[in-house]
Amino acid sequence: MLRTIMLSVGLTAFLSLPAMAGEAADILRASLYEGPLTDGIAKLEPMAKAGDQEAEFGLGMLQLVSGVEHFAQALYRHGTAA
């Protein structure tokens, strides 16, 4: 019982620590909230090619969102409404 309580307290303390995000995360967030997705893709591609895993994730996320956006636009052009 004590072991379970201590594990729960330790896990809660560990999960409440702030996450450390790098430059790629800032670019991703800015692109999703403020600017065109193509600008974010252009900024993240060189970082991803250099081997930055966070930039690779951000690039994949922006490409996915861009694909969904283009798909939704195509549906709208052909008369599909929400």
PDB file of N, CA and C in Angstrom:
ATOM      1  N   MET A   1       0.824  -1.190   0.000  1.00  0.00           N
ATOM      2  CA  MET A   1       0.000   0.000   0.000  1.00  0.00           C
ATOM      3  C   MET A   1       0.870   1.255   0.000  1.00  0.00           C
ATOM      4  N   LEU A   2       1.873   1.272   0.854  1.00  0.00           N
ATOM      5  CA  LEU A   2       2.762   2.421   0.920  1.00  0.00           C
ATOM      6  C   LEU A   2       3.532   2.577  -0.382  1.00  0.00           C
ATOM      7  N   ARG A   3       3.917   1.450  -0.974  1.00  0.00           N
ATOM      8  CA  ARG A   3       4.650   1.485  -2.232  1.00  0.00           C
ATOM      9  C   ARG A   3       3.778   2.121  -3.328  1.00  0.00           C
ATOM     10  N   THR A   4       2.517   1.795  -3.371  1.00  0.00           N
ATOM     11  CA  THR A   4       1.601   2.334  -4.369  1.00  0.00           C
ATOM     12  C   THR A   4       1.414   3.841  -4.181  1.00  0.00           C
ATOM     13  N   ILE A   5       1.290   4.250  -2.941  1.00  0.00           N
ATOM     14  CA  ILE A   5       1.128   5.680  -2.656  1.00  0.00           C
ATOM     15  C   ILE A   5       2.374   6.451  -3.063  1.00  0.00           C
ATOM     16  N   MET A   6       3.533   5.920  -2.699  1.00  0.00           N
ATOM     17  CA  MET A   6       4.790   6.588  -3.051  1.00  0.00           C
ATOM     18  C   MET A   6       4.986   6.631  -4.557  1.00  0.00           C
ATOM     19  N   LEU A   7       4.634   5.565  -5.246  1.00  0.00           N
ATOM     20  CA  LEU A   7       4.736   5.532  -6.703  1.00  0.00           C
ATOM     21  C   LEU A   7       3.805   6.563  -7.324  1.00  0.00           C
ATOM     22  N   SER A   8       2.599   6.671  -6.805  1.00  0.00           N
ATOM     23  CA  SER A   8       1.641   7.647  -7.314  1.00  0.00           C
ATOM     24  C   SER A   8       2.128   9.073  -7.099  1.00  0.00           C
ATOM     25  N   VAL A   9       2.655   9.357  -5.932  1.00  0.00           N
ATOM     26  CA  VAL A   9       3.173  10.696  -5.632  1.00  0.00           C
ATOM     27  C   VAL A   9       4.372  11.010  -6.521  1.00  0.00           C
ATOM     28  N   GLY A  10       5.280  10.062  -6.677  1.00  0.00           N
ATOM     29  CA  GLY A  10       6.451  10.271  -7.517  1.00  0.00           C
ATOM     30  C   GLY A  10       6.090  10.477  -8.980  1.00  0.00           C
ATOM     31  N   LEU A  11       5.153   9.684  -9.468  1.00  0.00           N
ATOM     32  CA  LEU A  11       4.718   9.813 -10.852  1.00  0.00           C
ATOM     33  C   LEU A  11       4.018  11.144 -11.088  1.00  0.00           C
ATOM     34  N   THR A  12       3.210  11.566 -10.147  1.00  0.00           N
ATOM     35  CA  THR A  12       2.530  12.855 -10.263  1.00  0.00           C
ATOM     36  C   THR A  12       3.531  14.002 -10.276  1.00  0.00           C
ATOM     37  N   ALA A  13       4.545  13.924  -9.423  1.00  0.00           N
ATOM     38  CA  ALA A  13       5.565  14.969  -9.377  1.00  0.00           C
ATOM     39  C   ALA A  13       6.353  14.997 -10.678  1.00  0.00           C
ATOM     40  N   PHE A  14       6.659  13.822 -11.229  1.00  0.00           N
ATOM     41  CA  PHE A  14       7.425  13.757 -12.474  1.00  0.00           C
ATOM     42  C   PHE A  14       6.624  14.309 -13.644  1.00  0.00           C
ATOM     43  N   LEU A  15       5.345  13.969 -13.718  1.00  0.00           N
ATOM     44  CA  LEU A  15       4.528  14.410 -14.837  1.00  0.00           C
ATOM     45  C   LEU A  15       4.153  15.882 -14.772  1.00  0.00           C
ATOM     46  N   SER A  16       4.299  16.493 -13.616  1.00  0.00           N
ATOM     47  CA  SER A  16       3.950  17.902 -13.490  1.00  0.00           C
ATOM     48  C   SER A  16       5.121  18.826 -13.816  1.00  0.00           C
ATOM     49  N   LEU A  17       6.278  18.269 -14.147  1.00  0.00           N
ATOM     50  CA  LEU A  17       7.419  19.089 -14.523  1.00  0.00           C
ATOM     51  C   LEU A  17       7.157  19.754 -15.870  1.00  0.00           C
ATOM     52  N   PRO A  18       7.674  20.958 -16.068  1.00  0.00           N
ATOM     53  CA  PRO A  18       7.459  21.618 -17.359  1.00  0.00           C
ATOM     54  C   PRO A  18       8.243  20.921 -18.467  1.00  0.00           C
ATOM     55  N   ALA A  19       7.668  20.908 -19.639  1.00  0.00           N
ATOM     56  CA  ALA A  19       8.329  20.301 -20.792  1.00  0.00           C
ATOM     57  C   ALA A  19       9.280  21.320 -21.407  1.00  0.00           C
ATOM     58  N   MET A  20      10.415  20.849 -21.862  1.00  0.00           N
ATOM     59  CA  MET A  20      11.392  21.716 -22.498  1.00  0.00           C
ATOM     60  C   MET A  20      11.259  21.573 -24.011  1.00  0.00           C
ATOM     61  N   ALA A  21      10.868  22.640 -24.662  1.00  0.00           N
ATOM     62  CA  ALA A  21      10.698  22.613 -26.109  1.00  0.00           C
ATOM     63  C   ALA A  21      11.783  23.481 -26.744  1.00  0.00           C
ATOM     64  N   GLY A  22      12.221  23.061 -27.896  1.00  0.00           N
ATOM     65  CA  GLY A  22      13.264  23.787 -28.596  1.00  0.00           C
ATOM     66  C   GLY A  22      12.719  24.745 -29.641  1.00  0.00           C
ATOM     67  N   GLU A  23      13.618  25.184 -30.492  1.00  0.00           N
ATOM     68  CA  GLU A  23      13.266  26.151 -31.530  1.00  0.00           C
ATOM     69  C   GLU A  23      12.247  25.581 -32.507  1.00  0.00           C
ATOM     70  N   ALA A  24      12.357  24.300 -32.815  1.00  0.00           N
ATOM     71  CA  ALA A  24      11.432  23.672 -33.772  1.00  0.00           C
ATOM     72  C   ALA A  24       9.998  23.716 -33.252  1.00  0.00           C
ATOM     73  N   ALA A  25       9.821  23.530 -31.961  1.00  0.00           N
ATOM     74  CA  ALA A  25       8.479  23.585 -31.384  1.00  0.00           C
ATOM     75  C   ALA A  25       7.894  24.985 -31.471  1.00  0.00           C
ATOM     76  N   ASP A  26       8.746  25.987 -31.294  1.00  0.00           N
ATOM     77  CA  ASP A  26       8.275  27.371 -31.412  1.00  0.00           C
ATOM     78  C   ASP A  26       7.850  27.685 -32.843  1.00  0.00           C
ATOM     79  N   ILE A  27       8.609  27.177 -33.822  1.00  0.00           N
ATOM     80  CA  ILE A  27       8.268  27.382 -35.229  1.00  0.00           C
ATOM     81  C   ILE A  27       6.953  26.679 -35.550  1.00  0.00           C
ATOM     82  N   LEU A  28       6.796  25.452 -35.057  1.00  0.00           N
ATOM     83  CA  LEU A  28       5.567  24.697 -35.289  1.00  0.00           C
ATOM     84  C   LEU A  28       4.363  25.431 -34.717  1.00  0.00           C
ATOM     85  N   ARG A  29       4.474  25.862 -33.480  1.00  0.00           N
ATOM     86  CA  ARG A  29       3.362  26.561 -32.833  1.00  0.00           C
ATOM     87  C   ARG A  29       3.012  27.848 -33.574  1.00  0.00           C
ATOM     88  N   ALA A  30       4.031  28.610 -33.954  1.00  0.00           N
ATOM     89  CA  ALA A  30       3.774  29.862 -34.669  1.00  0.00           C
ATOM     90  C   ALA A  30       3.117  29.607 -36.017  1.00  0.00           C
ATOM     91  N   SER A  31       3.546  28.571 -36.702  1.00  0.00           N
ATOM     92  CA  SER A  31       2.972  28.261 -38.014  1.00  0.00           C
ATOM     93  C   SER A  31       1.525  27.813 -37.891  1.00  0.00           C
ATOM     94  N   LEU A  32       1.224  27.034 -36.889  1.00  0.00           N
ATOM     95  CA  LEU A  32      -0.145  26.548 -36.720  1.00  0.00           C
ATOM     96  C   LEU A  32      -1.085  27.652 -36.269  1.00  0.00           C
ATOM     97  N   TYR A  33      -0.614  28.555 -35.429  1.00  0.00           N
ATOM     98  CA  TYR A  33      -1.495  29.583 -34.886  1.00  0.00           C
ATOM     99  C   TYR A  33      -1.560  30.847 -35.731  1.00  0.00           C
ATOM    100  N   GLU A  34      -0.437  31.259 -36.312  1.00  0.00           N
ATOM    101  CA  GLU A  34      -0.369  32.596 -36.887  1.00  0.00           C
ATOM    102  C   GLU A  34      -0.184  32.636 -38.397  1.00  0.00           C
ATOM    103  N   GLY A  35       0.736  31.847 -38.899  1.00  0.00           N
ATOM    104  CA  GLY A  35       1.147  32.066 -40.270  1.00  0.00           C
ATOM    105  C   GLY A  35       0.811  30.945 -41.213  1.00  0.00           C
ATOM    106  N   PRO A  36       1.179  31.141 -42.457  1.00  0.00           N
ATOM    107  CA  PRO A  36       0.958  30.081 -43.438  1.00  0.00           C
ATOM    108  C   PRO A  36       1.808  28.855 -43.118  1.00  0.00           C
ATOM    109  N   LEU A  37       1.253  27.704 -43.399  1.00  0.00           N
ATOM    110  CA  LEU A  37       1.951  26.456 -43.092  1.00  0.00           C
ATOM    111  C   LEU A  37       3.210  26.302 -43.931  1.00  0.00           C
ATOM    112  N   THR A  38       3.206  26.847 -45.138  1.00  0.00           N
ATOM    113  CA  THR A  38       4.371  26.693 -46.019  1.00  0.00           C
ATOM    114  C   THR A  38       5.601  27.398 -45.449  1.00  0.00           C
ATOM    115  N   ASP A  39       5.400  28.494 -44.725  1.00  0.00           N
ATOM    116  CA  ASP A  39       6.543  29.170 -44.099  1.00  0.00           C
ATOM    117  C   ASP A  39       7.182  28.280 -43.035  1.00  0.00           C
ATOM    118  N   GLY A  40       6.348  27.639 -42.238  1.00  0.00           N
ATOM    119  CA  GLY A  40       6.863  26.736 -41.212  1.00  0.00           C
ATOM    120  C   GLY A  40       7.565  25.539 -41.813  1.00  0.00           C
ATOM    121  N   ILE A  41       7.010  24.996 -42.902  1.00  0.00           N
ATOM    122  CA  ILE A  41       7.642  23.863 -43.571  1.00  0.00           C
ATOM    123  C   ILE A  41       9.008  24.271 -44.105  1.00  0.00           C
ATOM    124  N   ALA A  42       9.085  25.459 -44.707  1.00  0.00           N
ATOM    125  CA  ALA A  42      10.356  25.936 -45.250  1.00  0.00           C
ATOM    126  C   ALA A  42      11.405  26.137 -44.144  1.00  0.00           C
ATOM    127  N   LYS A  43      10.978  26.571 -42.974  1.00  0.00           N
ATOM    128  CA  LYS A  43      11.916  26.787 -41.867  1.00  0.00           C
ATOM    129  C   LYS A  43      12.358  25.477 -41.225  1.00  0.00           C
ATOM    130  N   LEU A  44      11.465  24.488 -41.179  1.00  0.00           N
ATOM    131  CA  LEU A  44      11.779  23.234 -40.493  1.00  0.00           C
ATOM    132  C   LEU A  44      12.540  22.234 -41.362  1.00  0.00           C
ATOM    133  N   GLU A  45      12.423  22.325 -42.696  1.00  0.00           N
ATOM    134  CA  GLU A  45      13.086  21.352 -43.561  1.00  0.00           C
ATOM    135  C   GLU A  45      14.601  21.296 -43.364  1.00  0.00           C
ATOM    136  N   PRO A  46      15.318  22.437 -43.338  1.00  0.00           N
ATOM    137  CA  PRO A  46      16.774  22.338 -43.122  1.00  0.00           C
ATOM    138  C   PRO A  46      17.130  21.765 -41.746  1.00  0.00           C
ATOM    139  N   MET A  47      16.321  22.090 -40.747  1.00  0.00           N
ATOM    140  CA  MET A  47      16.586  21.569 -39.405  1.00  0.00           C
ATOM    141  C   MET A  47      16.382  20.057 -39.366  1.00  0.00           C
ATOM    142  N   ALA A  48      15.340  19.586 -40.066  1.00  0.00           N
ATOM    143  CA  ALA A  48      15.058  18.152 -40.093  1.00  0.00           C
ATOM    144  C   ALA A  48      16.137  17.400 -40.861  1.00  0.00           C
ATOM    145  N   LYS A  49      16.625  17.992 -41.950  1.00  0.00           N
ATOM    146  CA  LYS A  49      17.692  17.353 -42.721  1.00  0.00           C
ATOM    147  C   LYS A  49      18.990  17.265 -41.924  1.00  0.00           C
ATOM    148  N   ALA A  50      19.163  18.186 -40.977  1.00  0.00           N
ATOM    149  CA  ALA A  50      20.352  18.175 -40.121  1.00  0.00           C
ATOM    150  C   ALA A  50      20.254  17.118 -39.024  1.00  0.00           C
ATOM    151  N   GLY A  51      19.083  16.482 -38.885  1.00  0.00           N
ATOM    152  CA  GLY A  51      18.931  15.411 -37.918  1.00  0.00           C
ATOM    153  C   GLY A  51      18.203  15.771 -36.640  1.00  0.00           C
ATOM    154  N   ASP A  52      17.617  16.944 -36.578  1.00  0.00           N
ATOM    155  CA  ASP A  52      16.869  17.354 -35.387  1.00  0.00           C
ATOM    156  C   ASP A  52      15.542  16.596 -35.358  1.00  0.00           C
ATOM    157  N   GLN A  53      15.372  15.728 -34.380  1.00  0.00           N
ATOM    158  CA  GLN A  53      14.168  14.905 -34.306  1.00  0.00           C
ATOM    159  C   GLN A  53      12.923  15.726 -34.012  1.00  0.00           C
ATOM    160  N   GLU A  54      13.063  16.765 -33.235  1.00  0.00           N
ATOM    161  CA  GLU A  54      11.919  17.628 -32.941  1.00  0.00           C
ATOM    162  C   GLU A  54      11.471  18.344 -34.215  1.00  0.00           C
ATOM    163  N   ALA A  55      12.426  18.747 -35.042  1.00  0.00           N
ATOM    164  CA  ALA A  55      12.091  19.396 -36.316  1.00  0.00           C
ATOM    165  C   ALA A  55      11.438  18.401 -37.267  1.00  0.00           C
ATOM    166  N   GLU A  56      11.879  17.155 -37.241  1.00  0.00           N
ATOM    167  CA  GLU A  56      11.254  16.123 -38.078  1.00  0.00           C
ATOM    168  C   GLU A  56       9.798  15.917 -37.682  1.00  0.00           C
ATOM    169  N   PHE A  57       9.526  15.887 -36.390  1.00  0.00           N
ATOM    170  CA  PHE A  57       8.156  15.752 -35.918  1.00  0.00           C
ATOM    171  C   PHE A  57       7.321  16.957 -36.338  1.00  0.00           C
ATOM    172  N   GLY A  58       7.865  18.151 -36.148  1.00  0.00           N
ATOM    173  CA  GLY A  58       7.154  19.367 -36.526  1.00  0.00           C
ATOM    174  C   GLY A  58       6.882  19.427 -38.015  1.00  0.00           C
ATOM    175  N   LEU A  59       7.857  19.014 -38.810  1.00  0.00           N
ATOM    176  CA  LEU A  59       7.682  18.998 -40.261  1.00  0.00           C
ATOM    177  C   LEU A  59       6.580  18.021 -40.653  1.00  0.00           C
ATOM    178  N   GLY A  60       6.581  16.851 -40.063  1.00  0.00           N
ATOM    179  CA  GLY A  60       5.533  15.874 -40.341  1.00  0.00           C
ATOM    180  C   GLY A  60       4.164  16.382 -39.932  1.00  0.00           C
ATOM    181  N   MET A  61       4.091  17.057 -38.796  1.00  0.00           N
ATOM    182  CA  MET A  61       2.821  17.602 -38.323  1.00  0.00           C
ATOM    183  C   MET A  61       2.307  18.669 -39.278  1.00  0.00           C
ATOM    184  N   LEU A  62       3.190  19.564 -39.729  1.00  0.00           N
ATOM    185  CA  LEU A  62       2.762  20.610 -40.652  1.00  0.00           C
ATOM    186  C   LEU A  62       2.346  20.027 -41.997  1.00  0.00           C
ATOM    187  N   GLN A  63       3.042  18.998 -42.464  1.00  0.00           N
ATOM    188  CA  GLN A  63       2.662  18.369 -43.726  1.00  0.00           C
ATOM    189  C   GLN A  63       1.306  17.677 -43.596  1.00  0.00           C
ATOM    190  N   LEU A  64       1.059  17.046 -42.474  1.00  0.00           N
ATOM    191  CA  LEU A  64      -0.231  16.403 -42.242  1.00  0.00           C
ATOM    192  C   LEU A  64      -1.356  17.431 -42.210  1.00  0.00           C
ATOM    193  N   VAL A  65      -1.166  18.503 -41.468  1.00  0.00           N
ATOM    194  CA  VAL A  65      -2.193  19.547 -41.365  1.00  0.00           C
ATOM    195  C   VAL A  65      -2.419  20.193 -42.730  1.00  0.00           C
ATOM    196  N   SER A  66      -1.353  20.401 -43.484  1.00  0.00           N
ATOM    197  CA  SER A  66      -1.481  20.968 -44.817  1.00  0.00           C
ATOM    198  C   SER A  66      -2.281  20.044 -45.737  1.00  0.00           C
ATOM    199  N   GLY A  67      -2.028  18.751 -45.649  1.00  0.00           N
ATOM    200  CA  GLY A  67      -2.776  17.790 -46.446  1.00  0.00           C
ATOM    201  C   GLY A  67      -4.245  17.763 -46.091  1.00  0.00           C
ATOM    202  N   VAL A  68      -4.559  17.813 -44.810  1.00  0.00           N
ATOM    203  CA  VAL A  68      -5.959  17.846 -44.368  1.00  0.00           C
ATOM    204  C   VAL A  68      -6.625  19.136 -44.833  1.00  0.00           C
ATOM    205  N   GLU A  69      -5.893  20.234 -44.766  1.00  0.00           N
ATOM    206  CA  GLU A  69      -6.437  21.517 -45.210  1.00  0.00           C
ATOM    207  C   GLU A  69      -6.757  21.483 -46.715  1.00  0.00           C
ATOM    208  N   HIS A  70      -5.842  20.959 -47.519  1.00  0.00           N
ATOM    209  CA  HIS A  70      -6.082  20.868 -48.956  1.00  0.00           C
ATOM    210  C   HIS A  70      -7.243  19.921 -49.270  1.00  0.00           C
ATOM    211  N   PHE A  71      -7.349  18.831 -48.539  1.00  0.00           N
ATOM    212  CA  PHE A  71      -8.439  17.891 -48.726  1.00  0.00           C
ATOM    213  C   PHE A  71      -9.782  18.552 -48.417  1.00  0.00           C
ATOM    214  N   ALA A  72      -9.848  19.298 -47.318  1.00  0.00           N
ATOM    215  CA  ALA A  72     -11.089  19.982 -46.941  1.00  0.00           C
ATOM    216  C   ALA A  72     -11.457  21.044 -47.977  1.00  0.00           C
ATOM    217  N   GLN A  73     -10.455  21.743 -48.516  1.00  0.00           N
ATOM    218  CA  GLN A  73     -10.724  22.740 -49.549  1.00  0.00           C
ATOM    219  C   GLN A  73     -11.268  22.080 -50.814  1.00  0.00           C
ATOM    220  N   ALA A  74     -10.712  20.914 -51.170  1.00  0.00           N
ATOM    221  CA  ALA A  74     -11.192  20.196 -52.347  1.00  0.00           C
ATOM    222  C   ALA A  74     -12.632  19.724 -52.145  1.00  0.00           C
ATOM    223  N   LEU A  75     -12.939  19.238 -50.974  1.00  0.00           N
ATOM    224  CA  LEU A  75     -14.317  18.829 -50.691  1.00  0.00           C
ATOM    225  C   LEU A  75     -15.270  20.015 -50.805  1.00  0.00           C
ATOM    226  N   TYR A  76     -14.855  21.163 -50.295  1.00  0.00           N
ATOM    227  CA  TYR A  76     -15.696  22.347 -50.350  1.00  0.00           C
ATOM    228  C   TYR A  76     -15.924  22.794 -51.806  1.00  0.00           C
ATOM    229  N   ARG A  77     -14.857  22.742 -52.610  1.00  0.00           N
ATOM    230  CA  ARG A  77     -14.977  23.126 -54.023  1.00  0.00           C
ATOM    231  C   ARG A  77     -15.968  22.249 -54.763  1.00  0.00           C
ATOM    232  N   HIS A  78     -16.063  20.995 -54.358  1.00  0.00           N
ATOM    233  CA  HIS A  78     -16.954  20.059 -55.044  1.00  0.00           C
ATOM    234  C   HIS A  78     -18.335  19.963 -54.391  1.00  0.00           C
ATOM    235  N   GLY A  79     -18.625  20.883 -53.474  1.00  0.00           N
ATOM    236  CA  GLY A  79     -19.972  21.001 -52.963  1.00  0.00           C
ATOM    237  C   GLY A  79     -20.263  20.314 -51.639  1.00  0.00           C
ATOM    238  N   THR A  80     -19.280  19.743 -51.006  1.00  0.00           N
ATOM    239  CA  THR A  80     -19.512  19.124 -49.708  1.00  0.00           C
ATOM    240  C   THR A  80     -19.548  20.207 -48.628  1.00  0.00           C
ATOM    241  N   ALA A  81     -20.581  20.194 -47.829  1.00  0.00           N
ATOM    242  CA  ALA A  81     -20.707  21.168 -46.753  1.00  0.00           C
ATOM    243  C   ALA A  81     -20.771  20.441 -45.425  1.00  0.00           C
ATOM    244  N   ALA A  82     -20.309  21.073 -44.388  1.00  0.00           N
ATOM    245  CA  ALA A  82     -20.273  20.453 -43.068  1.00  0.00           C
ATOM    246  C   ALA A  82     -21.643  20.322 -42.470  1.00  0.00           C
TER     247      ALA A  82
END
